[in-house]
């Protein structure tokens, strides 16, 4: 029975982690930063821009292999703003999780004199 539980947990975890690629994320290509991923960018290619051949862009395609647009490299200010936003999101998640400072952990039972610790 425990083996079946372990298999189910592994299956659910693999499905969950597989789906996380559908969320946009930061990637580095040729020392430039791009945000790729999401439902409209499940596959991408790093190519010369058709309008400005001296620029490199990421061309995005959806799951049906339909072109959905291009993404340009992020500038320094855009990159900094993106990183700050992600940092704030992570902090909000951690602050809201059980055991965070100022929030009790529901799984921790305080010791009392009647219970041996």
N, C-alpha and C. Protein backbone atom coordinates (compact mmCIF):
# COMPACT_ATOMS: atom_id res chain seq x y z
N UNK A 1 0.83 -1.20 0.00
CA UNK A 1 0.00 0.00 0.00
C UNK A 1 0.87 1.26 0.00
N UNK A 2 1.96 1.23 0.77
CA UNK A 2 2.82 2.42 0.81
C UNK A 2 3.49 2.64 -0.54
N UNK A 3 3.77 1.56 -1.26
CA UNK A 3 4.40 1.71 -2.57
C UNK A 3 3.44 2.40 -3.55
N UNK A 4 2.16 2.06 -3.48
CA UNK A 4 1.17 2.69 -4.34
C UNK A 4 1.07 4.18 -4.02
N UNK A 5 1.09 4.52 -2.72
CA UNK A 5 1.05 5.93 -2.33
C UNK A 5 2.26 6.68 -2.87
N UNK A 6 3.42 6.06 -2.78
CA UNK A 6 4.64 6.71 -3.28
C UNK A 6 4.57 6.92 -4.78
N UNK A 7 4.03 5.94 -5.50
CA UNK A 7 3.91 6.06 -6.95
C UNK A 7 2.93 7.17 -7.31
N UNK A 8 1.81 7.25 -6.59
CA UNK A 8 0.83 8.31 -6.86
C UNK A 8 1.43 9.68 -6.59
N UNK A 9 2.17 9.81 -5.51
CA UNK A 9 2.79 11.09 -5.18
C UNK A 9 3.80 11.47 -6.26
N UNK A 10 4.60 10.51 -6.71
CA UNK A 10 5.57 10.79 -7.77
C UNK A 10 4.88 11.20 -9.06
N UNK A 11 3.78 10.53 -9.38
CA UNK A 11 3.03 10.87 -10.60
C UNK A 11 2.46 12.28 -10.53
N UNK A 12 1.85 12.62 -9.41
CA UNK A 12 1.28 13.96 -9.24
C UNK A 12 2.39 15.01 -9.30
N UNK A 13 3.52 14.74 -8.66
CA UNK A 13 4.63 15.69 -8.67
C UNK A 13 5.17 15.89 -10.08
N UNK A 14 5.29 14.80 -10.85
CA UNK A 14 5.82 14.94 -12.20
C UNK A 14 4.86 15.71 -13.10
N UNK A 15 3.56 15.50 -12.92
CA UNK A 15 2.57 16.27 -13.69
C UNK A 15 2.66 17.73 -13.31
N UNK A 16 2.76 18.01 -12.01
CA UNK A 16 2.84 19.40 -11.54
C UNK A 16 4.08 20.08 -12.10
N UNK A 17 5.24 19.44 -11.98
CA UNK A 17 6.47 20.07 -12.45
C UNK A 17 6.48 20.18 -13.96
N UNK A 18 5.85 19.24 -14.65
CA UNK A 18 5.76 19.35 -16.10
C UNK A 18 4.92 20.53 -16.52
N UNK A 19 3.89 20.85 -15.76
CA UNK A 19 3.00 21.96 -16.11
C UNK A 19 3.62 23.31 -15.78
N UNK A 20 4.61 23.34 -14.88
CA UNK A 20 5.18 24.63 -14.53
C UNK A 20 5.91 25.26 -15.70
N UNK A 21 6.29 24.46 -16.72
CA UNK A 21 6.95 25.04 -17.88
C UNK A 21 5.99 25.90 -18.69
N UNK A 22 4.70 25.84 -18.39
CA UNK A 22 3.73 26.65 -19.10
C UNK A 22 3.66 28.07 -18.55
N UNK A 23 4.46 28.36 -17.53
CA UNK A 23 4.52 29.71 -16.99
C UNK A 23 5.77 30.39 -17.53
N UNK A 24 5.67 31.67 -17.87
CA UNK A 24 6.85 32.36 -18.38
C UNK A 24 8.00 32.36 -17.38
N UNK A 25 9.21 32.24 -17.91
CA UNK A 25 10.39 32.26 -17.05
C UNK A 25 11.54 32.95 -17.78
N UNK A 26 12.52 33.33 -17.02
CA UNK A 26 13.67 34.05 -17.54
C UNK A 26 14.71 33.05 -18.05
N UNK A 27 15.19 33.25 -19.26
CA UNK A 27 16.25 32.42 -19.82
C UNK A 27 17.36 33.33 -20.33
N UNK A 28 18.58 32.80 -20.33
CA UNK A 28 19.73 33.54 -20.83
C UNK A 28 20.18 32.86 -22.12
N UNK A 29 20.23 33.64 -23.20
CA UNK A 29 20.70 33.15 -24.49
C UNK A 29 21.73 34.14 -25.00
N UNK A 30 22.93 33.67 -25.26
CA UNK A 30 24.01 34.54 -25.75
C UNK A 30 24.19 35.77 -24.87
N UNK A 31 24.18 35.58 -23.57
CA UNK A 31 24.38 36.63 -22.57
C UNK A 31 23.30 37.71 -22.60
N UNK A 32 22.13 37.39 -23.14
CA UNK A 32 20.99 38.30 -23.13
C UNK A 32 19.83 37.60 -22.43
N UNK A 33 18.97 38.38 -21.79
CA UNK A 33 17.87 37.83 -21.00
C UNK A 33 16.55 37.97 -21.75
N UNK A 34 15.81 36.86 -21.79
CA UNK A 34 14.50 36.82 -22.44
C UNK A 34 13.52 36.16 -21.48
N UNK A 35 12.25 36.57 -21.58
CA UNK A 35 11.18 35.90 -20.83
C UNK A 35 10.43 35.05 -21.85
N UNK A 36 10.49 33.73 -21.66
CA UNK A 36 9.82 32.80 -22.58
C UNK A 36 8.97 31.83 -21.77
N UNK A 37 8.11 31.13 -22.46
CA UNK A 37 7.24 30.17 -21.81
C UNK A 37 5.81 30.69 -21.83
N UNK A 38 4.95 29.98 -21.19
CA UNK A 38 3.54 30.34 -21.20
C UNK A 38 2.82 29.59 -22.31
N UNK A 39 1.52 29.72 -22.34
CA UNK A 39 0.73 29.00 -23.34
C UNK A 39 1.02 29.48 -24.75
N UNK A 40 1.43 30.75 -24.89
CA UNK A 40 1.69 31.27 -26.23
C UNK A 40 3.14 31.12 -26.65
N UNK A 41 3.96 30.48 -25.83
CA UNK A 41 5.38 30.32 -26.16
C UNK A 41 5.89 28.98 -25.61
N UNK A 42 5.26 27.90 -26.05
CA UNK A 42 5.69 26.59 -25.56
C UNK A 42 6.96 26.12 -26.26
N UNK A 43 7.24 26.70 -27.44
CA UNK A 43 8.48 26.42 -28.15
C UNK A 43 9.01 27.75 -28.67
N UNK A 44 10.34 27.90 -28.65
CA UNK A 44 10.90 29.15 -29.14
C UNK A 44 12.20 28.90 -29.87
N UNK A 45 12.56 29.87 -30.72
CA UNK A 45 13.80 29.82 -31.48
C UNK A 45 14.50 31.16 -31.35
N UNK A 46 15.81 31.13 -31.19
CA UNK A 46 16.62 32.34 -31.12
C UNK A 46 17.16 32.59 -32.53
N UNK A 47 16.66 33.65 -33.18
CA UNK A 47 16.99 33.91 -34.59
C UNK A 47 17.28 35.39 -34.81
N UNK A 48 17.77 35.71 -36.02
CA UNK A 48 17.92 37.11 -36.42
C UNK A 48 16.53 37.69 -36.67
N UNK A 49 16.34 38.92 -36.24
CA UNK A 49 15.06 39.59 -36.46
C UNK A 49 14.89 39.84 -37.96
N UNK A 50 13.70 39.57 -38.48
CA UNK A 50 13.45 39.74 -39.92
C UNK A 50 13.43 41.21 -40.31
N UNK A 51 12.97 42.08 -39.41
CA UNK A 51 12.89 43.51 -39.72
C UNK A 51 14.22 44.22 -39.49
N UNK A 52 14.96 43.79 -38.47
CA UNK A 52 16.25 44.38 -38.13
C UNK A 52 17.27 43.25 -37.99
N UNK A 53 17.90 42.82 -39.08
CA UNK A 53 18.78 41.66 -39.05
C UNK A 53 19.96 41.75 -38.09
N UNK A 54 20.29 42.94 -37.63
CA UNK A 54 21.40 43.07 -36.69
C UNK A 54 20.97 42.69 -35.26
N UNK A 55 19.67 42.53 -35.04
CA UNK A 55 19.15 42.14 -33.72
C UNK A 55 18.80 40.67 -33.68
N UNK A 56 19.00 40.07 -32.51
CA UNK A 56 18.54 38.71 -32.27
C UNK A 56 17.24 38.79 -31.48
N UNK A 57 16.30 37.92 -31.79
CA UNK A 57 15.02 37.85 -31.08
C UNK A 57 14.69 36.39 -30.80
N UNK A 58 13.71 36.21 -29.95
CA UNK A 58 13.16 34.88 -29.71
C UNK A 58 11.80 34.86 -30.37
N UNK A 59 11.61 33.95 -31.31
CA UNK A 59 10.31 33.77 -31.95
C UNK A 59 9.57 32.67 -31.20
N UNK A 60 8.35 32.97 -30.78
CA UNK A 60 7.57 32.04 -29.98
C UNK A 60 6.51 31.33 -30.82
N UNK A 61 6.26 30.08 -30.45
CA UNK A 61 5.25 29.25 -31.10
C UNK A 61 4.41 28.58 -30.02
N UNK A 62 3.12 28.40 -30.29
CA UNK A 62 2.26 27.73 -29.32
C UNK A 62 2.33 26.22 -29.50
N UNK A 63 1.51 25.48 -28.76
CA UNK A 63 1.56 24.02 -28.80
C UNK A 63 1.17 23.46 -30.17
N UNK A 64 0.43 24.25 -30.97
CA UNK A 64 0.05 23.83 -32.31
C UNK A 64 1.08 24.25 -33.35
N UNK A 65 2.23 24.72 -32.88
CA UNK A 65 3.34 25.18 -33.72
C UNK A 65 2.96 26.39 -34.56
N UNK A 66 2.06 27.22 -34.05
CA UNK A 66 1.66 28.46 -34.73
C UNK A 66 2.50 29.61 -34.15
N UNK A 67 3.05 30.43 -35.03
CA UNK A 67 3.84 31.59 -34.61
C UNK A 67 2.96 32.53 -33.80
N UNK A 68 3.43 32.91 -32.59
CA UNK A 68 2.63 33.77 -31.72
C UNK A 68 3.29 35.11 -31.42
N UNK A 69 4.46 35.34 -31.96
CA UNK A 69 5.11 36.64 -31.75
C UNK A 69 6.58 36.48 -31.42
N UNK A 70 7.22 37.62 -31.25
CA UNK A 70 8.64 37.59 -30.93
C UNK A 70 8.91 38.35 -29.65
N UNK A 71 9.98 37.98 -29.00
CA UNK A 71 10.38 38.62 -27.75
C UNK A 71 11.80 39.16 -27.92
N UNK A 72 11.95 40.40 -27.51
CA UNK A 72 13.27 41.03 -27.58
C UNK A 72 14.00 40.84 -26.26
N UNK A 73 15.31 40.97 -26.31
CA UNK A 73 16.12 40.87 -25.10
C UNK A 73 15.75 42.00 -24.15
N UNK A 74 15.81 41.71 -22.86
CA UNK A 74 15.48 42.72 -21.84
C UNK A 74 16.66 43.65 -21.64
N UNK A 75 16.35 44.92 -21.46
CA UNK A 75 17.37 45.89 -21.10
C UNK A 75 17.66 45.80 -19.61
N UNK A 76 18.66 46.54 -19.16
CA UNK A 76 19.05 46.49 -17.74
C UNK A 76 17.90 46.87 -16.81
N UNK A 77 17.19 47.94 -17.15
CA UNK A 77 16.08 48.39 -16.29
C UNK A 77 14.94 47.38 -16.28
N UNK A 78 14.63 46.83 -17.45
CA UNK A 78 13.57 45.81 -17.52
C UNK A 78 13.94 44.57 -16.71
N UNK A 79 15.20 44.16 -16.83
CA UNK A 79 15.67 42.99 -16.08
C UNK A 79 15.58 43.24 -14.58
N UNK A 80 16.03 44.40 -14.14
CA UNK A 80 15.98 44.73 -12.71
C UNK A 80 14.54 44.75 -12.21
N UNK A 81 13.62 45.34 -12.98
CA UNK A 81 12.22 45.39 -12.59
C UNK A 81 11.63 43.98 -12.53
N UNK A 82 11.98 43.13 -13.49
CA UNK A 82 11.49 41.75 -13.51
C UNK A 82 11.98 41.00 -12.27
N UNK A 83 13.27 41.14 -11.95
CA UNK A 83 13.84 40.43 -10.80
C UNK A 83 13.23 40.93 -9.49
N UNK A 84 12.98 42.23 -9.38
CA UNK A 84 12.35 42.77 -8.18
C UNK A 84 10.92 42.25 -8.02
N UNK A 85 10.21 42.17 -9.13
CA UNK A 85 8.84 41.65 -9.09
C UNK A 85 8.83 40.20 -8.64
N UNK A 86 9.72 39.40 -9.20
CA UNK A 86 9.79 37.98 -8.81
C UNK A 86 10.18 37.83 -7.33
N UNK A 87 11.08 38.68 -6.87
CA UNK A 87 11.50 38.64 -5.46
C UNK A 87 10.32 38.96 -4.55
N UNK A 88 9.53 39.97 -4.92
CA UNK A 88 8.35 40.34 -4.13
C UNK A 88 7.32 39.22 -4.13
N UNK A 89 7.14 38.56 -5.28
CA UNK A 89 6.20 37.43 -5.35
C UNK A 89 6.63 36.29 -4.45
N UNK A 90 7.92 35.95 -4.48
CA UNK A 90 8.43 34.87 -3.61
C UNK A 90 8.28 35.23 -2.15
N UNK A 91 8.55 36.48 -1.80
CA UNK A 91 8.43 36.92 -0.41
C UNK A 91 6.98 36.83 0.05
N UNK A 92 6.04 37.23 -0.82
CA UNK A 92 4.62 37.15 -0.46
C UNK A 92 4.20 35.70 -0.23
N UNK A 93 4.70 34.79 -1.05
CA UNK A 93 4.37 33.37 -0.88
C UNK A 93 4.94 32.85 0.43
N UNK A 94 6.20 33.19 0.71
CA UNK A 94 6.84 32.73 1.94
C UNK A 94 6.18 33.33 3.17
N UNK A 95 5.81 34.60 3.09
CA UNK A 95 5.16 35.25 4.23
C UNK A 95 3.80 34.66 4.52
N UNK A 96 3.17 34.09 3.50
CA UNK A 96 1.84 33.52 3.65
C UNK A 96 1.88 32.03 3.99
N UNK A 97 3.07 31.43 4.00
CA UNK A 97 3.16 29.99 4.25
C UNK A 97 3.18 29.68 5.74
N UNK A 98 2.74 28.47 6.12
CA UNK A 98 2.78 28.08 7.53
C UNK A 98 4.21 28.12 8.05
N UNK A 99 4.38 28.58 9.26
CA UNK A 99 5.69 28.66 9.88
C UNK A 99 6.45 29.93 9.59
N UNK A 100 5.86 30.83 8.80
CA UNK A 100 6.51 32.10 8.51
C UNK A 100 6.51 32.95 9.78
N UNK A 101 7.47 33.87 9.90
CA UNK A 101 7.48 34.74 11.08
C UNK A 101 6.14 35.46 11.23
N UNK A 102 5.58 35.42 12.40
CA UNK A 102 4.30 36.06 12.66
C UNK A 102 3.12 35.19 12.28
N UNK A 103 3.38 34.01 11.79
CA UNK A 103 2.30 33.09 11.43
C UNK A 103 2.64 31.72 12.00
N UNK A 104 1.80 31.22 12.87
CA UNK A 104 2.12 29.94 13.51
C UNK A 104 2.06 28.78 12.53
N UNK A 105 2.89 27.79 12.79
CA UNK A 105 2.90 26.58 11.98
C UNK A 105 1.83 25.64 12.53
N UNK A 106 0.83 25.28 11.73
CA UNK A 106 -0.26 24.44 12.25
C UNK A 106 0.19 23.03 12.60
N UNK A 107 1.37 22.63 12.14
CA UNK A 107 1.84 21.27 12.41
C UNK A 107 2.71 21.19 13.67
N UNK A 108 3.04 22.33 14.24
CA UNK A 108 3.85 22.34 15.45
C UNK A 108 2.95 22.43 16.66
N UNK A 109 3.10 21.48 17.54
CA UNK A 109 2.30 21.48 18.77
C UNK A 109 3.23 21.94 19.90
N UNK A 110 2.85 22.99 20.62
CA UNK A 110 3.71 23.46 21.70
C UNK A 110 3.77 22.43 22.82
N UNK A 111 4.93 22.34 23.43
CA UNK A 111 5.12 21.42 24.55
C UNK A 111 4.39 21.95 25.78
N UNK A 112 3.89 21.06 26.54
CA UNK A 112 3.29 21.43 27.83
C UNK A 112 3.85 20.47 28.87
N UNK A 113 3.57 20.76 30.10
CA UNK A 113 4.10 19.90 31.16
C UNK A 113 3.44 18.53 31.15
N UNK A 114 2.25 18.43 30.58
CA UNK A 114 1.57 17.14 30.57
C UNK A 114 2.07 16.24 29.43
N UNK A 115 2.76 16.82 28.45
CA UNK A 115 3.28 16.04 27.33
C UNK A 115 4.79 16.02 27.41
N UNK A 116 5.36 14.82 27.29
CA UNK A 116 6.81 14.70 27.33
C UNK A 116 7.38 15.16 25.99
N UNK A 117 8.32 16.09 26.02
CA UNK A 117 8.90 16.65 24.80
C UNK A 117 10.17 15.93 24.40
